[in-house]
N, C-alpha and C. Protein backbone atom coordinates (compact mmCIF):
# COMPACT_ATOMS: atom_id res chain seq x y z
N MET A 1 79.16 62.01 83.97
CA MET A 1 80.14 61.34 84.80
C MET A 1 81.53 61.95 84.61
N LYS A 2 81.92 62.20 83.37
CA LYS A 2 83.23 62.79 83.08
C LYS A 2 83.31 64.19 83.68
N ARG A 3 82.23 64.94 83.59
CA ARG A 3 82.19 66.30 84.14
C ARG A 3 82.35 66.27 85.66
N GLN A 4 81.73 65.30 86.32
CA GLN A 4 81.84 65.18 87.77
C GLN A 4 83.28 64.83 88.18
N LEU A 5 83.91 63.98 87.42
CA LEU A 5 85.30 63.62 87.70
C LEU A 5 86.22 64.83 87.55
N GLN A 6 86.00 65.61 86.50
CA GLN A 6 86.81 66.81 86.30
C GLN A 6 86.61 67.80 87.44
N SER A 7 85.37 67.98 87.87
CA SER A 7 85.09 68.88 88.99
C SER A 7 85.75 68.38 90.27
N PHE A 8 85.68 67.07 90.50
CA PHE A 8 86.30 66.50 91.68
C PHE A 8 87.81 66.70 91.67
N LEU A 9 88.44 66.43 90.55
CA LEU A 9 89.90 66.59 90.44
C LEU A 9 90.31 68.05 90.60
N LEU A 10 89.54 68.95 90.04
CA LEU A 10 89.83 70.38 90.18
C LEU A 10 89.72 70.80 91.64
N THR A 11 88.68 70.33 92.30
CA THR A 11 88.50 70.66 93.72
C THR A 11 89.65 70.11 94.55
N CYS A 12 90.04 68.88 94.30
CA CYS A 12 91.18 68.29 95.04
C CYS A 12 92.45 69.08 94.80
N SER A 13 92.68 69.48 93.57
CA SER A 13 93.88 70.25 93.24
C SER A 13 93.88 71.59 93.98
N LEU A 14 92.75 72.26 94.00
CA LEU A 14 92.66 73.55 94.68
C LEU A 14 92.86 73.41 96.18
N VAL A 15 92.31 72.36 96.76
CA VAL A 15 92.50 72.12 98.20
C VAL A 15 93.96 71.85 98.51
N MET A 16 94.63 71.05 97.69
CA MET A 16 96.04 70.74 97.93
C MET A 16 96.90 71.99 97.76
N MET A 17 96.64 72.79 96.72
CA MET A 17 97.43 74.01 96.52
C MET A 17 97.21 74.98 97.67
N SER A 18 96.00 75.06 98.17
CA SER A 18 95.70 75.94 99.30
C SER A 18 96.45 75.49 100.54
N ALA A 19 96.49 74.18 100.79
CA ALA A 19 97.20 73.65 101.95
C ALA A 19 98.70 73.91 101.84
N ILE A 20 99.24 73.73 100.65
CA ILE A 20 100.68 73.97 100.44
C ILE A 20 100.99 75.45 100.63
N ALA A 21 100.16 76.32 100.09
CA ALA A 21 100.40 77.76 100.20
C ALA A 21 100.31 78.23 101.64
N SER A 22 99.38 77.69 102.41
CA SER A 22 99.25 78.13 103.80
C SER A 22 100.36 77.55 104.67
N ALA A 23 100.94 76.43 104.27
CA ALA A 23 102.02 75.81 105.05
C ALA A 23 103.37 76.45 104.76
N ALA A 24 103.47 77.15 103.65
CA ALA A 24 104.75 77.76 103.27
C ALA A 24 105.11 78.88 104.25
N GLU A 25 106.38 79.02 104.48
CA GLU A 25 106.86 80.08 105.37
C GLU A 25 106.69 81.43 104.67
N PRO A 26 106.15 82.42 105.36
CA PRO A 26 105.95 83.73 104.72
C PRO A 26 107.30 84.37 104.36
N LEU A 27 107.34 85.00 103.23
CA LEU A 27 108.55 85.67 102.78
C LEU A 27 108.51 87.14 103.15
N PRO A 28 109.67 87.72 103.44
CA PRO A 28 109.68 89.16 103.74
C PRO A 28 109.39 89.96 102.47
N ILE A 29 108.76 91.09 102.67
CA ILE A 29 108.46 91.98 101.55
C ILE A 29 109.68 92.87 101.31
N SER A 30 110.11 92.93 100.08
CA SER A 30 111.23 93.81 99.76
C SER A 30 110.99 94.48 98.42
N ASP A 31 111.58 95.63 98.28
CA ASP A 31 111.48 96.38 97.03
C ASP A 31 112.90 96.74 96.63
N ALA A 32 113.52 95.88 95.85
CA ALA A 32 114.92 96.06 95.47
C ALA A 32 115.01 96.36 93.99
N HIS A 33 115.07 97.62 93.67
CA HIS A 33 115.27 98.00 92.28
C HIS A 33 116.01 99.33 92.24
N MET A 34 116.63 99.60 91.13
CA MET A 34 117.40 100.82 90.97
C MET A 34 117.11 101.40 89.59
N HIS A 35 116.96 102.70 89.54
CA HIS A 35 116.72 103.37 88.27
C HIS A 35 118.01 104.05 87.81
N TYR A 36 118.34 103.85 86.58
CA TYR A 36 119.47 104.57 86.01
C TYR A 36 119.27 104.69 84.50
N ASN A 37 119.90 105.67 83.92
CA ASN A 37 119.72 105.89 82.49
C ASN A 37 120.95 105.43 81.70
N ILE A 38 120.92 105.60 80.42
CA ILE A 38 121.96 105.08 79.53
C ILE A 38 123.35 105.65 79.84
N GLU A 39 123.41 106.91 80.30
CA GLU A 39 124.71 107.52 80.58
C GLU A 39 125.42 106.85 81.76
N THR A 40 124.68 106.34 82.71
CA THR A 40 125.32 105.76 83.90
C THR A 40 125.57 104.27 83.78
N ARG A 41 125.12 103.64 82.73
CA ARG A 41 125.34 102.20 82.60
C ARG A 41 126.81 101.84 82.56
N SER A 42 127.63 102.68 81.94
CA SER A 42 129.05 102.36 81.87
C SER A 42 129.72 102.55 83.24
N THR A 43 129.20 103.46 84.06
CA THR A 43 129.76 103.70 85.38
C THR A 43 129.31 102.66 86.39
N TRP A 44 128.04 102.26 86.33
CA TRP A 44 127.45 101.30 87.26
C TRP A 44 127.17 99.99 86.53
N SER A 45 128.09 99.08 86.61
CA SER A 45 127.89 97.78 85.98
C SER A 45 126.85 96.98 86.77
N PRO A 46 126.23 96.00 86.15
CA PRO A 46 125.27 95.17 86.88
C PRO A 46 125.90 94.52 88.13
N GLN A 47 127.16 94.12 88.04
CA GLN A 47 127.83 93.52 89.20
C GLN A 47 127.94 94.53 90.34
N ARG A 48 128.25 95.78 90.00
CA ARG A 48 128.39 96.81 91.04
C ARG A 48 127.04 97.12 91.68
N VAL A 49 125.99 97.14 90.88
CA VAL A 49 124.65 97.38 91.42
C VAL A 49 124.26 96.26 92.37
N ILE A 50 124.51 95.03 91.99
CA ILE A 50 124.19 93.88 92.85
C ILE A 50 125.00 93.96 94.13
N ALA A 51 126.24 94.37 94.04
CA ALA A 51 127.07 94.52 95.23
C ALA A 51 126.50 95.59 96.17
N LEU A 52 125.91 96.66 95.62
CA LEU A 52 125.31 97.70 96.44
C LEU A 52 124.08 97.18 97.19
N TRP A 53 123.34 96.27 96.60
CA TRP A 53 122.14 95.72 97.22
C TRP A 53 122.47 94.81 98.38
N ARG A 54 123.66 94.26 98.42
CA ARG A 54 124.00 93.30 99.49
C ARG A 54 124.37 93.95 100.74
């Protein structure tokens, strides 16, 4: 009986998560990253890099 209840609750949870995921608005795909080495960290601050992405 306990095993059946666990299976039922798991199934309900999966169905609800699936419904929520399919109802969510799709997000755009983006690839926002920048490569730099130790020498350029002083020249390109994190704030400046973020400003370049905007």
